[in-house]
């Protein structure tokens, strides 16, 4: 079943006109015709079946019919990641969407080798990943912002999982055992790692939990995927009987 994220409100009988890129996808890539069905979601109203009522090369419209799933959200998890080269950053955002992050926050650090990112393209990548994975929302992508500003304004009620490659932090699963579920963020540094001063500031941040991802130095994209996987298995919605955080 084709799934599409739309901005419009969803309710039975609503008529949805798709933007040109989605119309092209349905009509020319997937070769769907009038009467074909798709699933629509908007991050607010759950998932609905809709039927194509207009199909041309440039225009597609659907009529919303039946709600298939009520809205829910995954765990309240942010991924905070330093800018890296574009292909790896795109991989990180894609996998963050697949692994259930609610937000991706881009940062710059003392050793960041990039200072800008195409947030619109990254949002499109997150949207496509959400459509393919069956989640009912799309993670927001924001930034970039400076690490110092993020830490200065940090809300201590949100735990900060600091993936520290210096070698003196507890193994990630051990560190997470002693901490209850709740709002969390995972912090991934740049290719050159955090500076000594940054490490000190991060560790002094209220709610910070330093963890080790093992004896090998991981690239940023590998570290982000590993950290999110382990967090989900320990505290997220991969755990048996877990209920989504609000």
Protein backbone atom coordinates (compact mmCIF):
# COMPACT_ATOMS: atom_id res chain seq x y z
CA UNK A 1 0.00 0.00 0.00
CA UNK A 2 1.34 3.43 -0.98
CA UNK A 3 1.64 5.79 2.00
CA UNK A 4 1.90 9.58 1.69
CA UNK A 5 2.43 12.31 4.25
CA UNK A 6 0.14 15.29 3.65
CA UNK A 7 -0.25 18.63 5.38
CA UNK A 8 -4.05 18.79 5.09
CA UNK A 9 -6.48 17.77 7.81
CA UNK A 10 -7.83 14.25 7.35
CA UNK A 11 -11.45 13.25 7.85
CA UNK A 12 -13.97 11.15 6.00
CA UNK A 13 -15.06 12.83 2.77
CA UNK A 14 -12.22 15.36 2.64
CA UNK A 15 -10.82 16.11 -0.82
CA UNK A 16 -7.02 16.24 -0.91
CA UNK A 17 -5.14 17.79 -3.83
CA UNK A 18 -1.54 16.57 -3.85
CA UNK A 19 1.47 18.80 -4.53
CA UNK A 20 3.20 18.31 -7.86
CA UNK A 21 5.95 15.99 -6.62
CA UNK A 22 3.49 13.57 -5.02
CA UNK A 23 1.19 13.78 -8.04
CA UNK A 24 4.12 12.89 -10.30
CA UNK A 25 5.02 9.99 -8.03
CA UNK A 26 1.52 8.51 -8.06
CA UNK A 27 0.71 9.11 -11.73
CA UNK A 28 4.05 8.63 -13.47
CA UNK A 29 6.23 6.54 -11.16
CA UNK A 30 3.64 4.25 -9.57
CA UNK A 31 1.23 4.52 -12.55
CA UNK A 32 -1.86 4.75 -10.36
CA UNK A 33 -5.21 5.55 -11.95
CA UNK A 34 -8.61 6.78 -10.83
CA UNK A 35 -10.04 4.40 -8.25
CA UNK A 36 -6.68 3.30 -6.85
CA UNK A 37 -6.18 3.69 -3.12
CA UNK A 38 -3.38 5.04 -0.94
CA UNK A 39 -2.88 5.59 2.78
CA UNK A 40 -2.53 9.19 4.00
CA UNK A 41 -1.21 10.53 7.32
CA UNK A 42 -0.40 14.01 8.62
CA UNK A 43 1.05 13.47 12.09
CA UNK A 44 -2.23 14.54 13.76
CA UNK A 45 -5.23 12.56 12.57
CA UNK A 46 -3.98 9.00 12.26
CA UNK A 47 -3.80 7.06 9.01
CA UNK A 48 -6.61 7.03 6.44
CA UNK A 49 -7.42 5.18 3.24
CA UNK A 50 -8.08 7.56 0.35
CA UNK A 51 -9.17 6.90 -3.22
CA UNK A 52 -7.86 8.67 -6.30
CA UNK A 53 -10.55 10.75 -7.99
CA UNK A 54 -8.43 12.80 -10.42
CA UNK A 55 -5.25 11.67 -12.15
CA UNK A 56 -3.32 13.58 -14.79
CA UNK A 57 0.39 13.91 -15.43
CA UNK A 58 0.54 16.93 -13.14
CA UNK A 59 -2.54 16.77 -10.91
CA UNK A 60 -3.79 14.12 -8.51
CA UNK A 61 -6.66 14.38 -6.05
CA UNK A 62 -7.98 11.89 -3.52
CA UNK A 63 -11.13 11.53 -1.44
CA UNK A 64 -10.53 10.43 2.15
CA UNK A 65 -12.61 7.39 3.11
CA UNK A 66 -11.79 5.37 6.22
CA UNK A 67 -9.46 5.82 9.19
CA UNK A 68 -7.28 2.74 9.55
CA UNK A 69 -5.22 3.77 12.59
CA UNK A 70 -5.65 6.36 15.30
CA UNK A 71 -2.81 8.78 15.93
CA UNK A 72 0.00 7.77 18.22
CA UNK A 73 3.55 8.95 18.75
CA UNK A 74 6.77 7.15 19.46
CA UNK A 75 9.08 7.85 22.35
CA UNK A 76 10.12 11.41 23.09
CA UNK A 77 13.61 11.07 21.64
CA UNK A 78 15.78 13.76 20.06
CA UNK A 79 18.87 13.00 18.01
CA UNK A 80 21.37 15.84 18.30
CA UNK A 81 24.11 15.41 15.73
CA UNK A 82 27.05 17.52 14.61
CA UNK A 83 27.16 18.41 10.94
CA UNK A 84 29.13 15.96 8.81
CA UNK A 85 29.52 15.55 5.06
CA UNK A 86 26.24 15.51 3.15
CA UNK A 87 25.93 11.79 2.26
CA UNK A 88 26.55 10.69 5.84
CA UNK A 89 24.25 13.37 7.25
CA UNK A 90 21.48 12.24 4.91
CA UNK A 91 21.97 8.66 6.07
CA UNK A 92 21.76 9.77 9.71
CA UNK A 93 18.47 11.62 9.14
CA UNK A 94 16.98 8.71 7.18
CA UNK A 95 17.89 6.19 9.88
CA UNK A 96 16.73 8.52 12.66
CA UNK A 97 13.28 8.50 11.04
CA UNK A 98 13.35 4.72 10.64
CA UNK A 99 14.47 4.19 14.24
CA UNK A 100 11.80 6.41 15.77
CA UNK A 101 13.47 9.72 16.68
CA UNK A 102 10.88 12.46 17.12
CA UNK A 103 13.28 15.30 16.31
CA UNK A 104 16.70 15.70 14.66
CA UNK A 105 18.66 18.73 15.85
CA UNK A 106 21.75 19.72 13.89
CA UNK A 107 24.67 21.38 15.68
CA UNK A 108 28.09 22.83 15.03
CA UNK A 109 31.04 22.21 17.35
CA UNK A 110 34.67 23.28 17.61
CA UNK A 111 35.74 20.47 15.29
CA UNK A 112 32.79 20.45 12.90
CA UNK A 113 34.03 20.50 9.30
CA UNK A 114 30.76 21.90 7.90
CA UNK A 115 28.62 24.87 8.88
CA UNK A 116 25.46 24.48 6.82
CA UNK A 117 22.93 21.89 5.78
CA UNK A 118 20.00 21.76 3.39
CA UNK A 119 17.26 21.34 5.97
CA UNK A 120 14.54 21.22 3.31
CA UNK A 121 16.19 18.24 1.62
CA UNK A 122 16.81 16.51 4.95
CA UNK A 123 13.14 17.00 5.84
CA UNK A 124 12.16 15.40 2.53
CA UNK A 125 14.41 12.43 3.32
CA UNK A 126 12.82 12.10 6.78
CA UNK A 127 9.35 12.28 5.22
CA UNK A 128 10.08 9.53 2.71
CA UNK A 129 11.51 7.32 5.45
CA UNK A 130 8.41 7.88 7.59
CA UNK A 131 6.16 6.95 4.66
CA UNK A 132 8.07 3.72 4.11
CA UNK A 133 8.34 2.63 7.74
CA UNK A 134 4.68 2.98 8.71
CA UNK A 135 5.12 5.61 11.40
CA UNK A 136 2.33 8.16 11.76
CA UNK A 137 4.48 11.26 12.09
CA UNK A 138 7.57 12.77 10.49
CA UNK A 139 10.53 13.78 12.65
CA UNK A 140 11.31 17.47 12.53
CA UNK A 141 14.76 18.55 11.36
CA UNK A 142 16.04 21.79 12.89
CA UNK A 143 19.23 23.81 13.02
CA UNK A 144 22.08 23.99 12.76
CA UNK A 145 22.71 25.56 16.15
CA UNK A 146 25.88 25.90 18.21
CA UNK A 147 26.60 23.21 20.78
CA UNK A 148 27.32 25.82 23.47
CA UNK A 149 23.89 27.37 22.98
CA UNK A 150 22.19 23.98 23.14
CA UNK A 151 23.94 23.15 26.41
CA UNK A 152 23.37 26.57 27.92
CA UNK A 153 19.61 26.31 27.39
CA UNK A 154 19.35 22.61 28.27
CA UNK A 155 16.25 21.45 30.18
CA UNK A 156 17.53 19.03 32.80
CA UNK A 157 14.27 17.06 32.76
CA UNK A 158 15.38 15.65 29.39
CA UNK A 159 18.20 13.13 29.79
CA UNK A 160 21.16 13.59 27.46
CA UNK A 161 22.88 10.41 26.32
CA UNK A 162 26.42 11.56 25.56
CA UNK A 163 28.26 9.10 23.32
CA UNK A 164 31.76 9.70 24.66
CA UNK A 165 34.60 8.09 22.74
CA UNK A 166 37.23 8.95 25.36
CA UNK A 167 37.00 5.46 26.86
CA UNK A 168 36.10 6.19 30.49
CA UNK A 169 32.29 5.99 30.25
CA UNK A 170 30.16 3.01 31.19
CA UNK A 171 28.95 0.66 28.43
CA UNK A 172 25.74 2.05 27.03
CA UNK A 173 23.40 -0.74 28.20
CA UNK A 174 24.90 -0.64 31.70
CA UNK A 175 24.52 3.14 31.87
CA UNK A 176 20.90 3.02 30.72
CA UNK A 177 19.89 0.32 33.22
CA UNK A 178 19.98 2.78 36.10
CA UNK A 179 17.99 5.53 34.37
CA UNK A 180 14.19 5.56 34.02
CA UNK A 181 12.33 6.13 30.76
CA UNK A 182 11.19 9.63 29.86
CA UNK A 183 12.25 12.43 27.52
CA UNK A 184 15.71 11.75 26.13
CA UNK A 185 18.22 13.06 23.63
CA UNK A 186 21.21 11.34 22.06
CA UNK A 187 24.27 13.48 21.31
CA UNK A 188 26.61 12.48 18.47
CA UNK A 189 29.79 14.45 17.79
CA UNK A 190 31.62 15.38 14.60
CA UNK A 191 34.16 13.28 12.73
CA UNK A 192 36.98 14.79 14.80
CA UNK A 193 35.21 14.18 18.10
CA UNK A 194 34.44 16.68 20.82
CA UNK A 195 37.20 18.90 22.18
CA UNK A 196 38.30 18.41 25.82
CA UNK A 197 36.47 21.59 26.80
CA UNK A 198 33.29 20.46 25.10
CA UNK A 199 33.46 17.09 26.85
CA UNK A 200 33.67 18.83 30.21
CA UNK A 201 30.72 21.09 29.43
CA UNK A 202 28.61 18.18 28.19
CA UNK A 203 29.33 16.06 31.25
CA UNK A 204 28.43 19.00 33.51
CA UNK A 205 25.08 19.50 31.78
CA UNK A 206 22.07 18.59 33.98
CA UNK A 207 20.68 15.21 32.93
CA UNK A 208 23.79 14.15 31.00
CA UNK A 209 24.59 10.42 30.94
CA UNK A 210 27.97 9.55 29.43
CA UNK A 211 28.06 6.19 27.63
CA UNK A 212 30.52 4.15 25.63
CA UNK A 213 29.62 2.56 22.30
CA UNK A 214 32.46 0.05 22.54
CA UNK A 215 36.22 -0.20 22.03
CA UNK A 216 36.29 1.04 18.42
CA UNK A 217 36.00 4.60 17.14
CA UNK A 218 32.81 4.80 15.08
CA UNK A 219 32.00 7.19 12.28
CA UNK A 220 29.20 9.61 13.08
CA UNK A 221 26.59 7.80 11.00
CA UNK A 222 27.48 4.42 12.51
CA UNK A 223 27.50 5.88 16.02
CA UNK A 224 24.09 7.48 15.55
CA UNK A 225 22.52 4.24 14.29
CA UNK A 226 24.14 2.15 17.05
CA UNK A 227 23.15 4.59 19.79
CA UNK A 228 19.53 4.86 18.68
CA UNK A 229 19.25 1.09 18.32
CA UNK A 230 20.60 0.44 21.80
CA UNK A 231 18.45 3.17 23.34
CA UNK A 232 15.32 1.80 21.68
CA UNK A 233 16.12 -1.72 22.89
CA UNK A 234 16.68 -0.48 26.43
CA UNK A 235 14.21 2.37 27.01
CA UNK A 236 12.24 2.91 23.82
CA UNK A 237 9.33 1.29 22.05
CA UNK A 238 11.22 -1.91 21.24
CA UNK A 239 10.84 -3.03 24.85
CA UNK A 240 8.09 -5.55 25.63
CA UNK A 241 4.88 -3.83 26.67
CA UNK A 242 6.28 -0.35 26.17
CA UNK A 243 3.73 2.38 25.63
CA UNK A 244 4.56 5.44 23.50
CA UNK A 245 5.68 8.49 25.41
CA UNK A 246 3.47 11.54 25.04
